Amino acid sequence: MIFTVQIKVMPLKDLLDPQGKAVMGGLQNLGLNNVSDVRIGKHIDLQIEAADKEAAKSAGEEAAKKLLANPVMEVFEVTIL
């Protein structure tokens, strides 16, 4: 079967997010002052052929660990659709 695997990669909470800070400044310049924080990440969809959902999730986690996320600076979350 083919599964859609979504991977969300976000910077660690303790790290400065310069892109998020730039977007925050832009939002404030537009008058959107009710936004208190912005974090920018990545959303990745993979089509994975696997025997079952668990195998597809394992393949997505392996892809994230080895290539898609930097564990020193980012965390990731894998979801099967």
C-alpha atoms as a PDB file:
ATOM      1  CA  MET A   1       0.000   0.000   0.000  1.00  0.00           C
ATOM      2  CA  ILE A   2       0.988   3.606  -0.458  1.00  0.00           C
ATOM      3  CA  PHE A   3       0.698   5.860   2.581  1.00  0.00           C
ATOM      4  CA  THR A   4       0.943   9.634   2.856  1.00  0.00           C
ATOM      5  CA  VAL A   5       3.404  10.471   5.606  1.00  0.00           C
ATOM      6  CA  GLN A   6       3.457  14.036   6.898  1.00  0.00           C
ATOM      7  CA  ILE A   7       6.530  15.285   8.698  1.00  0.00           C
ATOM      8  CA  LYS A   8       6.456  18.549  10.639  1.00  0.00           C
ATOM      9  CA  VAL A   9       9.892  19.948  11.494  1.00  0.00           C
ATOM     10  CA  MET A  10      10.173  22.840  13.953  1.00  0.00           C
ATOM     11  CA  PRO A  11      13.071  24.621  15.628  1.00  0.00           C
ATOM     12  CA  LEU A  12      13.692  23.694  19.252  1.00  0.00           C
ATOM     13  CA  LYS A  13      11.755  25.924  21.672  1.00  0.00           C
ATOM     14  CA  ASP A  14      14.962  27.114  23.352  1.00  0.00           C
ATOM     15  CA  LEU A  15      16.581  28.314  20.112  1.00  0.00           C
ATOM     16  CA  LEU A  16      16.177  31.721  18.543  1.00  0.00           C
ATOM     17  CA  ASP A  17      14.101  31.610  15.348  1.00  0.00           C
ATOM     18  CA  PRO A  18      15.320  34.569  13.222  1.00  0.00           C
ATOM     19  CA  GLN A  19      12.817  33.872  10.436  1.00  0.00           C
ATOM     20  CA  GLY A  20       9.989  33.786  12.971  1.00  0.00           C
ATOM     21  CA  LYS A  21      11.186  37.058  14.514  1.00  0.00           C
ATOM     22  CA  ALA A  22      11.247  38.702  11.056  1.00  0.00           C
ATOM     23  CA  VAL A  23       7.683  37.548  10.352  1.00  0.00           C
ATOM     24  CA  MET A  24       6.628  38.761  13.803  1.00  0.00           C
ATOM     25  CA  GLY A  25       8.015  42.213  13.015  1.00  0.00           C
ATOM     26  CA  GLY A  26       6.207  42.227   9.670  1.00  0.00           C
ATOM     27  CA  LEU A  27       2.912  41.294  11.312  1.00  0.00           C
ATOM     28  CA  GLN A  28       3.321  44.098  13.841  1.00  0.00           C
ATOM     29  CA  ASN A  29       4.064  46.533  11.014  1.00  0.00           C
ATOM     30  CA  LEU A  30       0.752  45.468   9.446  1.00  0.00           C
ATOM     31  CA  GLY A  31      -1.051  46.270  12.683  1.00  0.00           C
ATOM     32  CA  LEU A  32      -1.539  42.657  13.769  1.00  0.00           C
ATOM     33  CA  ASN A  33      -0.394  43.269  17.328  1.00  0.00           C
ATOM     34  CA  ASN A  34      -2.378  40.426  18.880  1.00  0.00           C
ATOM     35  CA  VAL A  35       0.169  37.808  17.670  1.00  0.00           C
ATOM     36  CA  SER A  36       2.499  36.975  20.565  1.00  0.00           C
ATOM     37  CA  ASP A  37       5.012  34.639  18.901  1.00  0.00           C
ATOM     38  CA  VAL A  38       5.900  33.167  15.499  1.00  0.00           C
ATOM     39  CA  ARG A  39       7.893  29.991  14.853  1.00  0.00           C
ATOM     40  CA  ILE A  40       8.693  28.983  11.269  1.00  0.00           C
ATOM     41  CA  GLY A  41       9.162  25.315  10.373  1.00  0.00           C
ATOM     42  CA  LYS A  42       8.868  22.867   7.502  1.00  0.00           C
ATOM     43  CA  HIS A  43       5.970  20.686   6.374  1.00  0.00           C
ATOM     44  CA  ILE A  44       6.990  17.679   4.270  1.00  0.00           C
ATOM     45  CA  ASP A  45       4.679  15.122   2.642  1.00  0.00           C
ATOM     46  CA  LEU A  46       6.101  11.769   1.551  1.00  0.00           C
ATOM     47  CA  GLN A  47       4.338   9.039  -0.409  1.00  0.00           C
ATOM     48  CA  ILE A  48       5.726   5.809   1.030  1.00  0.00           C
ATOM     49  CA  GLU A  49       4.996   2.277  -0.123  1.00  0.00           C
ATOM     50  CA  ALA A  50       4.858  -0.002   2.911  1.00  0.00           C
ATOM     51  CA  ALA A  51       3.114  -3.109   4.203  1.00  0.00           C
ATOM     52  CA  ASP A  52       1.242  -1.217   6.941  1.00  0.00           C
ATOM     53  CA  LYS A  53       0.952   2.104   8.775  1.00  0.00           C
ATOM     54  CA  GLU A  54       3.660   1.240  11.297  1.00  0.00           C
ATOM     55  CA  ALA A  55       6.175   0.434   8.551  1.00  0.00           C
ATOM     56  CA  ALA A  56       5.307   3.678   6.757  1.00  0.00           C
ATOM     57  CA  LYS A  57       5.718   5.658   9.981  1.00  0.00           C
ATOM     58  CA  SER A  58       9.075   3.999  10.667  1.00  0.00           C
ATOM     59  CA  ALA A  59      10.267   4.896   7.163  1.00  0.00           C
ATOM     60  CA  GLY A  60       9.138   8.517   7.684  1.00  0.00           C
ATOM     61  CA  GLU A  61      10.916   8.695  11.041  1.00  0.00           C
ATOM     62  CA  GLU A  62      14.085   7.304   9.495  1.00  0.00           C
ATOM     63  CA  ALA A  63      13.936   9.898   6.689  1.00  0.00           C
ATOM     64  CA  ALA A  64      13.464  12.673   9.238  1.00  0.00           C
ATOM     65  CA  LYS A  65      16.311  11.470  11.474  1.00  0.00           C
ATOM     66  CA  LYS A  66      18.786  10.933   8.637  1.00  0.00           C
ATOM     67  CA  LEU A  67      17.995  13.842   6.317  1.00  0.00           C
ATOM     68  CA  LEU A  68      14.979  16.055   6.916  1.00  0.00           C
ATOM     69  CA  ALA A  69      15.600  17.342  10.459  1.00  0.00           C
ATOM     70  CA  ASN A  70      18.732  18.476  12.276  1.00  0.00           C
ATOM     71  CA  PRO A  71      18.417  16.960  15.784  1.00  0.00           C
ATOM     72  CA  VAL A  72      20.737  19.587  17.260  1.00  0.00           C
ATOM     73  CA  MET A  73      18.388  22.427  16.273  1.00  0.00           C
ATOM     74  CA  GLU A  74      15.019  20.882  15.358  1.00  0.00           C
ATOM     75  CA  VAL A  75      12.333  18.467  16.496  1.00  0.00           C
ATOM     76  CA  PHE A  76      10.029  16.538  14.196  1.00  0.00           C
ATOM     77  CA  GLU A  77       6.628  14.889  14.313  1.00  0.00           C
ATOM     78  CA  VAL A  78       5.501  12.130  11.909  1.00  0.00           C
ATOM     79  CA  THR A  79       1.826  11.567  11.070  1.00  0.00           C
ATOM     80  CA  ILE A  80       0.257   8.980   8.763  1.00  0.00           C
ATOM     81  CA  LEU A  81      -2.807  10.054   6.780  1.00  0.00           C
END
